[in-house]
Amino acid sequence: MDASPEQLVAEFLSEYQLSRTYLRGRISRLAQLAASEDSGVAESATRAIFASLIERLADSFEPEGVSLYNRVFSQLTQIWRLDAGARLLDSELTNLGLVSEEDMVARAESLRRVSRLAAPRDWAETLQCVLVLSRVTLGADVAITSVILERIKHLFPAAEIVLLGGRKSVELFGGDPRLRLKEIGYRRGGTTTERLLAWTELLDCVRTITNGLNRGEYLLVDPDTRLTQLGLLPLTETDDWLDPQLGSYSPKKSEYIFFPSREYGSGTSLALAELTCAWLDEVFGESAPAYPRVSLSQTDIESARKLASALRGGVARRIVAINFGIGENHLKRVAGDFEATIVAHLVQEGFAVVFDKGAGDEEARRAEAVLAEATRAETGRIDRGGSRARVIEIGAHNVMDVLNSEHLDADILVWNGRIGMLAALIGESDLYIGYDSAGQHIAAALGVPCIDVFAGSSSPRMLDRWRPTGKAPVRVVAVDPTSATNQIELVERVLQHASQQSLCKEDDDPQIAQITQMKRQQNGQEE
């Protein structure tokens, strides 16, 4: 019987870890299965390649993982480009000078050397357009891409800045008047061909935007995005990278800069936002620290303020925003009734809860179960005399009706809708609690204290890298997936952090007051 895709991945990684032997045949078989006409087989193989192999190598945040990724994905691409449905991919790679697997590996390896941009100050006089690629996932866009955008705005005040990313990125950054957003689709759950062809769409978009611009008049910034398959697929002519004296690829083409996020600062425990700043310092030759930032629409900000005010009511309750989304990665979730217990305890303590229902049917079902359990608890509200917790669910269908209410007689406000509105609700909250996802990065960027429950970490370095970064306090509660976690103890740790944070009232804590003032200034909410 043929080995399953997951078995092929396990065998490949196990043998490489034991003997550093590269089992080329296993990778070839995975590529063939991913290109199968049987949709079930292709889906299973694609999931194994990206979730179990590629993401595992990326999440190691080690140089060796980068080397292995370059070899693996170059081999996979060389096989996939021969498929009838990938003719455009093959022709574009050929036109850009990447004919063989060795060509792809050599170019990818050249990106690992960080070089200072030649005469960056001179660029400010001629630069007309900066294209910044999205990292595809929202959390990475906040932690990494937003830091790049802030530095670019500072360095090149006269240049047009274009962010190329998904539709949801518009909701997180569309409130910034300096940015022009261009939508580029990438199906994280798509076939291998669909994922690779997203690069051809990106390539066409870049060519259109830069048409008529000369060298030195535009700059491409790649933050190690899945749109280019972590830099493996080029956006510039490969001939411009070939150093004839050395006979190898050298990053001489200054129109394209690449952030090697999976290995930069590999000997440190810095978070990705901090490493992004350090990389920008090296590339541009000057230090200008920047925090992650989101720029929401004024409509979302005002709507969230009104909802939060009504939810607080006359008793001025503190609001805790919660998101237990896991993005289809079940390793990120704490098993059992952890989620329901957290929500129930917060309600019992008198907090108001903004609860995100998540994305997809499975997350919605989990959310319903959590809410059913939590609403059995009696609220700690004095004005309600210990009655059962009440829930109001809002979304696009009824948000206007709810906004017209001056007071929400609810303990849990369930949001079932857009990421932009969720981000605005997080921004109006006093505390955020959630698993490793976009939510905690949004909270940190908005200056909201955050409790990050981090389960499913594949390495200690991953825990360091994805730590939320901002000016507000951040508590990371690490959950060891290899041990039998005491759930009661875990709940107590989270609730203790929540209680400690709730004591930091703005009037009593100058730091919290300063953060709140900064947050309102950023969002244009000064009264």
Protein backbone atom coordinates (compact mmCIF):
# COMPACT_ATOMS: atom_id res chain seq x y z
CA MET A 1 0.00 0.00 0.00
CA ASP A 2 1.29 3.47 -0.90
CA ALA A 3 2.24 5.73 1.94
CA SER A 4 -0.14 8.57 2.73
CA PRO A 5 1.02 12.18 2.20
CA GLU A 6 1.41 12.65 5.96
CA GLN A 7 3.54 9.50 6.13
CA LEU A 8 5.72 10.75 3.28
CA VAL A 9 6.28 14.03 5.11
CA ALA A 10 7.04 12.25 8.39
CA GLU A 11 9.53 9.90 6.70
CA PHE A 12 11.24 12.77 4.90
CA LEU A 13 11.65 14.91 8.03
CA SER A 14 12.64 12.00 10.24
CA GLU A 15 15.39 10.83 7.91
CA TYR A 16 16.69 14.36 7.42
CA GLN A 17 16.83 14.97 11.16
CA LEU A 18 18.60 11.68 11.80
CA SER A 19 21.18 11.62 9.00
CA ARG A 20 20.74 14.85 6.98
CA THR A 21 19.79 12.63 4.04
CA TYR A 22 17.50 14.38 1.57
CA LEU A 23 14.90 11.85 0.42
CA ARG A 24 14.23 13.28 -3.02
CA GLY A 25 11.83 10.52 -3.95
CA ARG A 26 9.45 11.39 -1.10
CA ILE A 27 9.23 15.00 -2.28
CA SER A 28 8.62 13.91 -5.87
CA ARG A 29 5.82 11.62 -4.75
CA LEU A 30 4.21 14.41 -2.71
CA ALA A 31 4.33 16.70 -5.75
CA GLN A 32 2.67 14.05 -7.91
CA LEU A 33 -0.08 13.45 -5.37
CA ALA A 34 -0.73 17.18 -5.00
CA ALA A 35 -1.21 17.41 -8.78
CA SER A 36 -3.56 14.40 -8.89
CA GLU A 37 -6.82 14.66 -10.83
CA ASP A 38 -8.51 13.06 -7.80
CA SER A 39 -9.51 16.14 -5.78
CA GLY A 40 -9.47 14.22 -2.51
CA VAL A 41 -5.93 12.95 -3.07
CA ALA A 42 -4.72 16.36 -4.25
CA GLU A 43 -6.27 18.13 -1.25
CA SER A 44 -4.74 15.69 1.22
CA ALA A 45 -1.28 15.99 -0.33
CA THR A 46 -1.45 19.78 -0.57
CA ARG A 47 -2.45 20.02 3.07
CA ALA A 48 0.44 17.77 4.10
CA ILE A 49 2.94 19.78 2.03
CA PHE A 50 1.96 23.19 3.33
CA ALA A 51 0.71 22.49 6.85
CA SER A 52 2.98 19.63 7.94
CA LEU A 53 6.14 20.32 5.93
CA ILE A 54 6.43 23.92 4.75
CA GLU A 55 4.92 25.59 7.82
CA ARG A 56 6.95 23.37 10.12
CA LEU A 57 10.18 24.41 8.40
CA ALA A 58 9.17 28.08 8.51
CA ASP A 59 8.13 27.96 12.16
CA SER A 60 11.49 26.58 13.24
CA PHE A 61 12.99 30.04 12.66
CA GLU A 62 16.38 28.43 12.08
CA PRO A 63 18.80 28.89 9.15
CA GLU A 64 18.84 25.16 8.48
CA GLY A 65 15.07 25.22 8.04
CA VAL A 66 15.44 27.95 5.41
CA SER A 67 18.03 25.91 3.50
CA LEU A 68 15.82 22.85 3.51
CA TYR A 69 12.76 24.86 2.47
CA ASN A 70 14.63 26.31 -0.53
CA ARG A 71 15.57 22.84 -1.71
CA VAL A 72 12.14 21.33 -1.11
CA PHE A 73 10.04 24.04 -2.69
CA SER A 74 12.38 24.43 -5.66
CA GLN A 75 12.00 20.71 -6.38
CA LEU A 76 8.22 20.87 -5.94
CA THR A 77 7.90 23.89 -8.22
CA GLN A 78 10.05 22.33 -10.91
CA ILE A 79 7.64 19.36 -11.01
CA TRP A 80 4.45 21.43 -10.80
CA ARG A 81 5.47 23.83 -13.57
CA LEU A 82 5.35 20.92 -16.03
CA ASP A 83 1.63 20.41 -15.37
CA ALA A 84 -0.70 21.45 -18.19
CA GLY A 85 -2.55 23.82 -15.86
CA ALA A 86 0.64 25.64 -14.91
CA ARG A 87 1.87 26.74 -18.34
CA LEU A 88 1.71 30.40 -17.39
CA LEU A 89 3.80 29.68 -14.29
CA ASP A 90 6.42 27.88 -16.39
CA SER A 91 6.62 30.57 -19.05
CA GLU A 92 6.93 33.40 -16.52
CA LEU A 93 9.67 31.62 -14.58
CA THR A 94 11.53 30.95 -17.82
CA ASN A 95 11.20 34.57 -18.95
CA LEU A 96 12.61 35.70 -15.61
CA GLY A 97 15.66 33.47 -16.01
CA LEU A 98 14.70 30.56 -13.75
CA VAL A 99 14.86 27.48 -15.94
CA SER A 100 16.19 24.79 -13.66
CA GLU A 101 15.76 23.74 -10.06
CA GLU A 102 19.34 24.82 -9.44
CA ASP A 103 18.53 28.32 -10.72
CA MET A 104 15.73 28.63 -8.20
CA VAL A 105 17.82 27.41 -5.29
CA ALA A 106 20.74 29.71 -6.16
CA ARG A 107 18.54 32.80 -6.36
CA ALA A 108 16.69 31.92 -3.13
CA GLU A 109 19.98 31.45 -1.31
CA SER A 110 21.16 34.87 -2.46
CA LEU A 111 18.22 36.53 -0.69
CA ARG A 112 19.54 35.38 2.66
CA ARG A 113 22.33 37.97 2.60
CA VAL A 114 21.04 41.29 3.88
CA SER A 115 22.63 44.29 2.18
CA ARG A 116 22.23 47.99 2.81
CA LEU A 117 20.24 49.81 0.16
CA ALA A 118 22.60 51.92 -1.93
CA ALA A 119 22.33 55.63 -1.01
CA PRO A 120 18.88 55.37 0.62
CA ARG A 121 18.71 59.13 1.26
CA ASP A 122 19.15 59.82 -2.48
CA TRP A 123 16.13 57.65 -3.14
CA ALA A 124 13.86 60.14 -1.40
CA GLU A 125 14.46 62.59 -4.28
CA THR A 126 13.60 60.20 -7.11
CA LEU A 127 11.39 57.52 -5.57
CA GLN A 128 7.81 57.74 -6.83
CA CYS A 129 6.27 54.46 -5.68
CA VAL A 130 6.90 51.83 -3.00
CA LEU A 131 5.10 48.49 -3.34
CA VAL A 132 4.84 46.54 -0.09
CA LEU A 133 3.62 42.96 -0.30
CA SER A 134 1.18 41.57 2.25
CA ARG A 135 2.16 38.56 4.35
CA VAL A 136 -1.29 37.09 3.52
CA THR A 137 -2.17 36.26 7.15
CA LEU A 138 -3.57 39.18 9.14
CA GLY A 139 -1.49 38.59 12.27
CA ALA A 140 1.73 38.71 10.25
CA ASP A 141 0.55 41.79 8.40
CA VAL A 142 0.09 43.60 11.71
CA ALA A 143 3.30 42.31 13.32
CA ILE A 144 5.57 42.71 10.29
CA THR A 145 4.03 44.49 7.30
CA SER A 146 2.63 47.39 9.32
CA VAL A 147 6.09 48.08 10.79
CA ILE A 148 7.53 48.22 7.27
CA LEU A 149 4.77 50.58 6.18
CA GLU A 150 5.44 52.93 9.09
CA ARG A 151 9.15 53.10 8.25
CA ILE A 152 8.48 53.64 4.54
CA LYS A 153 6.11 56.50 5.35
CA HIS A 154 8.84 58.08 7.47
CA LEU A 155 11.65 57.61 4.95
CA PHE A 156 9.79 58.55 1.78
CA PRO A 157 7.13 61.15 2.63
CA ALA A 158 6.50 62.07 -1.01
CA ALA A 159 6.26 58.57 -2.49
CA GLU A 160 3.05 56.70 -3.22
CA ILE A 161 2.80 53.57 -1.07
CA VAL A 162 0.85 50.60 -2.41
CA LEU A 163 -0.02 47.63 -0.21
CA LEU A 164 -0.72 44.51 -2.25
CA GLY A 165 -2.81 42.09 -0.22
CA GLY A 166 -6.15 40.46 0.47
CA ARG A 167 -9.54 42.05 0.98
CA LYS A 168 -9.29 41.89 4.78
CA SER A 169 -6.10 43.93 4.72
CA VAL A 170 -8.17 46.85 3.43
CA GLU A 171 -10.20 46.76 6.64
CA LEU A 172 -7.11 46.87 8.85
CA PHE A 173 -5.14 49.49 6.93
CA GLY A 174 -7.69 51.28 4.75
CA GLY A 175 -7.99 54.19 7.17
CA ASP A 176 -4.45 55.36 6.37
CA PRO A 177 -4.58 58.14 3.74
CA ARG A 178 -0.96 57.46 2.74
CA LEU A 179 -1.77 53.98 1.49
CA ARG A 180 -3.27 52.76 -1.74
CA LEU A 181 -4.49 49.21 -1.43
CA LYS A 182 -4.47 46.79 -4.34
CA GLU A 183 -6.24 43.48 -3.83
CA ILE A 184 -4.31 40.31 -4.64
CA GLY A 185 -6.01 37.02 -3.86
CA TYR A 186 -4.26 34.02 -2.34
CA ARG A 187 -6.23 30.89 -1.48
CA ARG A 188 -4.56 29.36 1.55
CA GLY A 189 -6.86 26.38 1.11
CA GLY A 190 -6.46 26.21 -2.67
CA THR A 191 -4.73 23.68 -4.88
CA THR A 192 -1.01 23.90 -5.51
CA THR A 193 -1.62 25.38 -8.97
CA GLU A 194 -4.00 28.02 -7.56
CA ARG A 195 -1.48 29.03 -4.93
CA LEU A 196 1.37 29.30 -7.40
CA LEU A 197 -0.70 31.17 -9.99
CA ALA A 198 -1.38 33.85 -7.37
CA TRP A 199 2.25 34.82 -8.02
CA THR A 200 1.54 35.35 -11.74
CA GLU A 201 -1.33 37.66 -10.79
CA LEU A 202 1.01 39.53 -8.46
CA LEU A 203 3.66 39.74 -11.16
CA ASP A 204 1.17 41.23 -13.61
CA CYS A 205 0.02 43.74 -10.99
CA VAL A 206 3.60 44.83 -10.22
CA ARG A 207 4.33 45.30 -13.90
CA THR A 208 1.20 47.42 -14.35
CA ILE A 209 1.96 49.68 -11.38
CA THR A 210 5.64 50.15 -12.28
CA ASN A 211 5.06 50.58 -16.01
CA GLY A 212 6.85 53.71 -17.16
CA LEU A 213 8.97 53.99 -14.01
CA ASN A 214 12.76 53.82 -14.26
CA ARG A 215 15.29 52.28 -11.91
CA GLY A 216 15.38 54.25 -8.70
CA GLU A 217 11.79 55.44 -9.12
CA TYR A 218 10.15 52.41 -7.49
CA LEU A 219 10.93 49.98 -4.70
CA LEU A 220 9.54 46.48 -4.01
CA VAL A 221 9.48 45.26 -0.40
CA ASP A 222 8.92 41.54 0.18
CA PRO A 223 8.37 40.68 3.87
CA ASP A 224 8.89 36.94 3.23
CA THR A 225 5.38 36.51 1.89
CA ARG A 226 3.50 33.47 0.72
CA LEU A 227 2.61 35.49 -2.42
CA THR A 228 6.18 34.86 -3.62
CA GLN A 229 6.36 31.54 -1.75
CA LEU A 230 8.75 33.02 0.80
CA GLY A 231 10.81 34.81 -1.82
CA LEU A 232 11.33 31.79 -4.05
CA LEU A 233 9.38 33.27 -7.00
CA PRO A 234 10.96 36.47 -8.38
CA LEU A 235 9.42 39.82 -9.24
CA THR A 236 12.48 41.16 -11.08
CA GLU A 237 14.66 39.94 -13.92
CA THR A 238 17.03 37.28 -12.64
CA ASP A 239 19.77 38.48 -15.04
CA ASP A 240 20.09 41.59 -12.89
CA TRP A 241 21.01 39.39 -9.93
CA LEU A 242 23.74 37.39 -11.65
CA ASP A 243 27.25 38.49 -10.77
CA PRO A 244 29.40 37.43 -13.76
CA GLN A 245 32.65 37.71 -11.81
CA LEU A 246 31.48 35.40 -9.04
CA GLY A 247 29.38 33.19 -11.32
CA SER A 248 26.61 33.24 -8.74
CA TYR A 249 23.55 35.21 -7.76
CA SER A 250 24.04 38.38 -5.76
CA PRO A 251 21.30 40.76 -4.60
CA LYS A 252 22.46 43.74 -6.64
CA LYS A 253 19.07 44.85 -7.93
CA SER A 254 18.08 47.52 -5.46
CA GLU A 255 14.47 47.78 -6.66
CA TYR A 256 13.70 44.65 -4.63
CA ILE A 257 14.46 44.12 -0.94
CA PHE A 258 13.61 40.95 0.97
CA PHE A 259 13.18 40.43 4.72
CA PRO A 260 14.50 36.94 5.65
CA SER A 261 12.13 36.70 8.61
CA ARG A 262 12.64 32.97 9.22
CA GLU A 263 16.32 33.32 10.10
CA TYR A 264 17.08 36.98 10.74
CA GLY A 265 18.33 37.39 14.29
CA SER A 266 18.26 33.62 14.77
CA GLY A 267 20.42 33.85 17.87
CA THR A 268 18.02 36.19 19.65
CA SER A 269 14.65 35.88 21.38
CA LEU A 270 13.25 39.05 19.78
CA ALA A 271 9.70 39.20 18.46
CA LEU A 272 9.08 39.53 14.72
CA ALA A 273 8.07 43.18 15.02
CA GLU A 274 11.37 43.93 16.77
CA LEU A 275 13.36 41.98 14.18
CA THR A 276 11.58 43.85 11.39
CA CYS A 277 12.79 47.12 12.92
CA ALA A 278 16.34 45.80 13.19
CA TRP A 279 16.30 44.62 9.54
CA LEU A 280 15.00 48.01 8.37
CA ASP A 281 17.78 49.70 10.36
CA GLU A 282 20.34 47.57 8.53
CA VAL A 283 18.84 48.05 5.07
CA PHE A 284 18.34 51.83 5.32
CA GLY A 285 21.31 52.63 7.53
CA GLU A 286 19.43 54.49 10.23
CA SER A 287 17.50 53.68 13.37
CA ALA A 288 13.86 54.69 13.70
CA PRO A 289 11.90 52.35 15.98
CA ALA A 290 8.29 51.70 15.00
CA TYR A 291 5.50 49.72 16.61
CA PRO A 292 2.92 47.65 14.76
CA ARG A 293 -0.12 49.69 13.80
CA VAL A 294 -3.55 49.28 12.24
CA SER A 295 -5.50 52.10 10.60
CA LEU A 296 -9.23 51.42 10.78
CA SER A 297 -12.01 53.25 9.00
CA GLN A 298 -13.63 56.09 10.90
CA THR A 299 -17.02 54.42 10.43
CA ASP A 300 -15.87 51.26 12.21
CA ILE A 301 -14.21 53.26 14.97
CA GLU A 302 -17.31 55.35 15.66
CA SER A 303 -19.62 52.32 15.54
CA ALA A 304 -17.42 50.39 17.97
CA ARG A 305 -17.26 53.35 20.37
CA LYS A 306 -21.05 53.58 20.42
CA LEU A 307 -21.47 49.84 21.00
CA ALA A 308 -18.85 49.82 23.75
CA SER A 309 -20.46 52.80 25.47
CA ALA A 310 -23.87 51.13 25.40
CA LEU A 311 -22.38 47.85 26.66
CA ARG A 312 -20.68 49.52 29.59
CA GLY A 313 -23.98 51.09 30.62
CA GLY A 314 -24.42 53.26 33.67
CA VAL A 315 -22.12 51.07 35.78
CA ALA A 316 -19.06 51.69 33.55
CA ARG A 317 -18.17 48.02 33.31
CA ARG A 318 -14.79 46.98 31.97
CA ILE A 319 -14.87 45.19 28.62
CA VAL A 320 -12.85 42.11 27.72
CA ALA A 321 -12.58 41.16 24.02
CA ILE A 322 -12.16 37.44 23.37
CA ASN A 323 -11.28 35.50 20.23
CA PHE A 324 -10.79 31.75 20.41
CA GLY A 325 -10.25 31.30 16.68
CA ILE A 326 -7.55 28.84 15.65
CA GLY A 327 -7.39 29.19 11.87
CA GLU A 328 -7.93 25.44 11.28
CA ASN A 329 -4.87 24.63 13.39
CA HIS A 330 -6.30 22.48 16.18
CA LEU A 331 -2.98 22.42 18.00
CA LYS A 332 -3.59 26.04 18.98
CA ARG A 333 -6.66 25.17 21.00
CA VAL A 334 -6.78 24.23 24.69
CA ALA A 335 -8.99 21.17 25.04
CA GLY A 336 -11.94 20.67 27.37
CA ASP A 337 -14.07 23.45 28.79
CA PHE A 338 -11.22 25.96 29.13
CA GLU A 339 -12.90 28.52 26.84
CA ALA A 340 -16.33 28.34 28.47
CA THR A 341 -14.81 28.52 31.94
CA ILE A 342 -12.88 31.69 31.09
CA VAL A 343 -15.97 33.43 29.70
CA ALA A 344 -18.20 32.30 32.58
CA HIS A 345 -15.72 33.49 35.23
CA LEU A 346 -15.32 36.88 33.57
CA VAL A 347 -19.09 37.36 33.49
CA GLN A 348 -19.34 36.30 37.13
CA GLU A 349 -16.72 38.93 37.99
CA GLY A 350 -18.87 41.60 36.38
CA PHE A 351 -16.95 42.11 33.13
CA ALA A 352 -18.73 42.75 29.86
CA VAL A 353 -17.45 40.41 27.15
CA VAL A 354 -17.08 41.07 23.42
CA PHE A 355 -16.92 37.56 21.96
CA ASP A 356 -15.89 36.95 18.35
CA LYS A 357 -17.82 34.09 16.79
CA GLY A 358 -14.95 33.25 14.47
CA ALA A 359 -14.78 32.19 10.84
CA GLY A 360 -16.37 29.09 9.34
CA ASP A 361 -18.92 26.54 10.50
CA GLU A 362 -16.62 24.68 12.88
CA GLU A 363 -15.59 27.79 14.82
CA ALA A 364 -19.22 28.91 14.93
CA ARG A 365 -20.24 25.58 16.47
CA ARG A 366 -17.51 25.85 19.10
CA ALA A 367 -18.56 29.40 19.85
CA GLU A 368 -22.18 28.33 20.35
CA ALA A 369 -21.09 25.62 22.79
CA VAL A 370 -18.96 28.10 24.75
CA LEU A 371 -21.80 30.60 24.93
CA ALA A 372 -24.32 27.96 26.00
CA GLU A 373 -22.09 26.95 28.90
CA ALA A 374 -21.17 30.51 29.84
CA THR A 375 -24.76 31.72 29.96
CA ARG A 376 -25.57 29.17 32.65
CA ALA A 377 -23.48 31.26 35.01
CA GLU A 378 -24.93 34.07 37.08
CA THR A 379 -23.55 37.50 36.33
CA GLY A 380 -21.71 39.46 38.97
CA ARG A 381 -23.53 42.68 38.07
CA ILE A 382 -24.90 44.46 41.11
CA ASP A 383 -27.61 46.18 39.07
CA ARG A 384 -28.99 42.84 37.91
CA GLY A 385 -29.00 41.07 41.26
CA GLY A 386 -27.08 38.00 40.12
CA SER A 387 -29.35 36.98 37.23
CA ARG A 388 -28.22 34.71 34.41
CA ALA A 389 -25.85 36.16 31.82
CA ARG A 390 -27.52 37.64 28.76
CA VAL A 391 -26.20 37.49 25.19
CA ILE A 392 -26.76 39.73 22.17
CA GLU A 393 -25.40 38.63 18.79
CA ILE A 394 -24.75 41.30 16.18
CA GLY A 395 -23.57 41.25 12.60
CA ALA A 396 -24.19 43.00 9.32
CA HIS A 397 -27.91 42.13 9.46
CA ASN A 398 -28.70 43.98 12.69
CA VAL A 399 -25.77 46.18 13.63
CA MET A 400 -27.60 49.40 12.74
CA ASP A 401 -30.56 48.48 14.95
CA VAL A 402 -28.26 47.76 17.88
CA LEU A 403 -26.31 50.98 17.28
CA ASN A 404 -29.51 52.94 17.77
CA SER A 405 -29.83 51.57 21.31
CA GLU A 406 -28.46 53.77 24.05
CA HIS A 407 -28.05 50.84 26.42
CA LEU A 408 -27.38 47.17 25.75
CA ASP A 409 -28.84 44.95 28.44
CA ALA A 410 -26.24 42.26 27.81
CA ASP A 411 -23.24 40.70 29.46
CA ILE A 412 -21.85 39.13 26.29
CA LEU A 413 -21.87 40.88 22.93
CA VAL A 414 -21.20 38.32 20.19
CA TRP A 415 -19.68 39.76 17.02
CA ASN A 416 -20.33 37.76 13.84
CA GLY A 417 -18.92 39.77 10.98
CA ARG A 418 -16.07 41.74 9.42
CA ILE A 419 -12.51 41.88 10.77
CA GLY A 420 -12.45 45.69 10.61
CA MET A 421 -15.37 46.02 13.02
CA LEU A 422 -13.92 43.33 15.28
CA ALA A 423 -10.62 45.22 15.38
CA ALA A 424 -12.46 48.41 16.31
CA LEU A 425 -14.30 46.60 19.12
CA ILE A 426 -10.97 45.26 20.39
CA GLY A 427 -9.66 48.80 20.31
CA GLU A 428 -12.50 49.96 22.57
CA SER A 429 -11.94 47.15 25.07
CA ASP A 430 -9.92 47.25 28.27
CA LEU A 431 -8.35 43.83 27.77
CA TYR A 432 -7.96 41.17 25.07
CA ILE A 433 -7.75 37.40 25.60
CA GLY A 434 -7.21 34.87 22.83
CA TYR A 435 -5.19 32.14 21.20
CA ASP A 436 -2.26 32.86 18.89
CA SER A 437 -4.01 34.57 15.98
CA ALA A 438 -4.51 38.00 14.43
CA GLY A 439 -6.49 39.23 17.44
CA GLN A 440 -3.64 39.65 19.89
CA HIS A 441 -1.50 41.49 17.33
CA ILE A 442 -4.39 43.84 16.62
CA ALA A 443 -4.83 44.42 20.36
CA ALA A 444 -1.14 45.18 20.85
CA ALA A 445 -1.13 47.54 17.86
CA LEU A 446 -4.12 49.43 19.31
CA GLY A 447 -2.55 49.76 22.75
CA VAL A 448 -4.92 47.29 24.41
CA PRO A 449 -3.47 45.05 27.18
CA CYS A 450 -3.36 41.47 25.94
CA ILE A 451 -3.31 37.92 27.32
CA ASP A 452 -2.01 35.57 24.62
CA VAL A 453 -2.77 31.88 25.31
CA PHE A 454 -0.10 30.22 23.16
CA ALA A 455 -0.69 26.52 22.55
CA GLY A 456 0.65 24.38 19.73
CA SER A 457 4.05 26.04 19.49
CA SER A 458 6.41 23.88 17.43
CA SER A 459 9.50 25.41 19.05
CA PRO A 460 10.47 27.86 21.82
CA ARG A 461 11.70 30.20 19.10
CA MET A 462 8.23 30.30 17.55
CA LEU A 463 6.85 31.45 20.89
CA ASP A 464 9.38 34.30 21.00
CA ARG A 465 8.84 35.35 17.41
CA TRP A 466 5.05 35.60 17.49
CA ARG A 467 4.85 37.42 20.81
CA PRO A 468 2.55 40.46 20.37
CA THR A 469 4.42 43.76 20.42
CA GLY A 470 3.02 47.13 21.42
CA LYS A 471 3.04 49.83 24.08
CA ALA A 472 0.48 48.10 26.31
CA PRO A 473 1.25 45.20 28.69
CA VAL A 474 1.35 41.73 27.10
CA ARG A 475 1.09 38.45 29.01
CA VAL A 476 1.97 35.25 27.15
CA VAL A 477 0.54 32.11 28.73
CA ALA A 478 2.48 29.25 27.16
CA VAL A 479 0.78 25.85 26.95
CA ASP A 480 3.09 22.88 26.51
CA PRO A 481 1.40 20.55 24.00
CA THR A 482 3.62 17.62 25.05
CA SER A 483 2.45 17.59 28.66
CA ALA A 484 -0.88 17.02 30.36
CA THR A 485 -1.71 20.62 31.16
CA ASN A 486 -3.61 21.16 34.38
CA GLN A 487 -6.63 22.99 32.97
CA ILE A 488 -7.69 24.42 36.33
CA GLU A 489 -4.23 25.89 36.83
CA LEU A 490 -4.27 27.29 33.29
CA VAL A 491 -7.64 28.95 33.85
CA GLU A 492 -6.40 30.42 37.14
CA ARG A 493 -3.31 31.87 35.44
CA VAL A 494 -5.37 33.57 32.76
CA LEU A 495 -7.93 34.91 35.23
CA GLN A 496 -5.20 36.13 37.57
CA HIS A 497 -3.63 38.11 34.73
CA ALA A 498 -7.07 39.45 33.82
CA SER A 499 -7.73 40.50 37.41
CA GLN A 500 -4.33 42.19 37.74
CA GLN A 501 -4.90 44.08 34.54
CA SER A 502 -8.39 45.13 35.63
CA LEU A 503 -6.86 46.88 38.64
CA CYS A 504 -4.78 49.12 36.37
CA LYS A 505 -7.38 51.85 36.08
CA GLU A 506 -6.51 54.76 33.84
CA ASP A 507 -6.77 57.26 36.72
CA ASP A 508 -4.41 55.19 38.88
CA ASP A 509 -1.82 54.02 36.36
CA PRO A 510 -0.03 56.75 34.35
CA GLN A 511 1.21 54.20 31.81
CA ILE A 512 -2.30 52.96 31.04
CA ALA A 513 -3.57 56.53 30.83
CA GLN A 514 -0.78 57.39 28.38
CA ILE A 515 -1.54 54.33 26.27
CA THR A 516 -5.24 55.18 26.14
CA GLN A 517 -4.47 58.76 25.11
CA MET A 518 -2.12 57.54 22.38
CA LYS A 519 -4.71 55.07 21.13
CA ARG A 520 -7.37 57.75 20.80
CA GLN A 521 -4.98 60.07 19.00
CA GLN A 522 -4.05 57.33 16.52
CA ASN A 523 -7.68 56.57 15.76
CA GLY A 524 -8.76 60.18 15.53
CA GLN A 525 -10.97 59.80 18.57
CA GLU A 526 -9.99 62.88 20.53
CA GLU A 527 -13.00 64.48 22.13
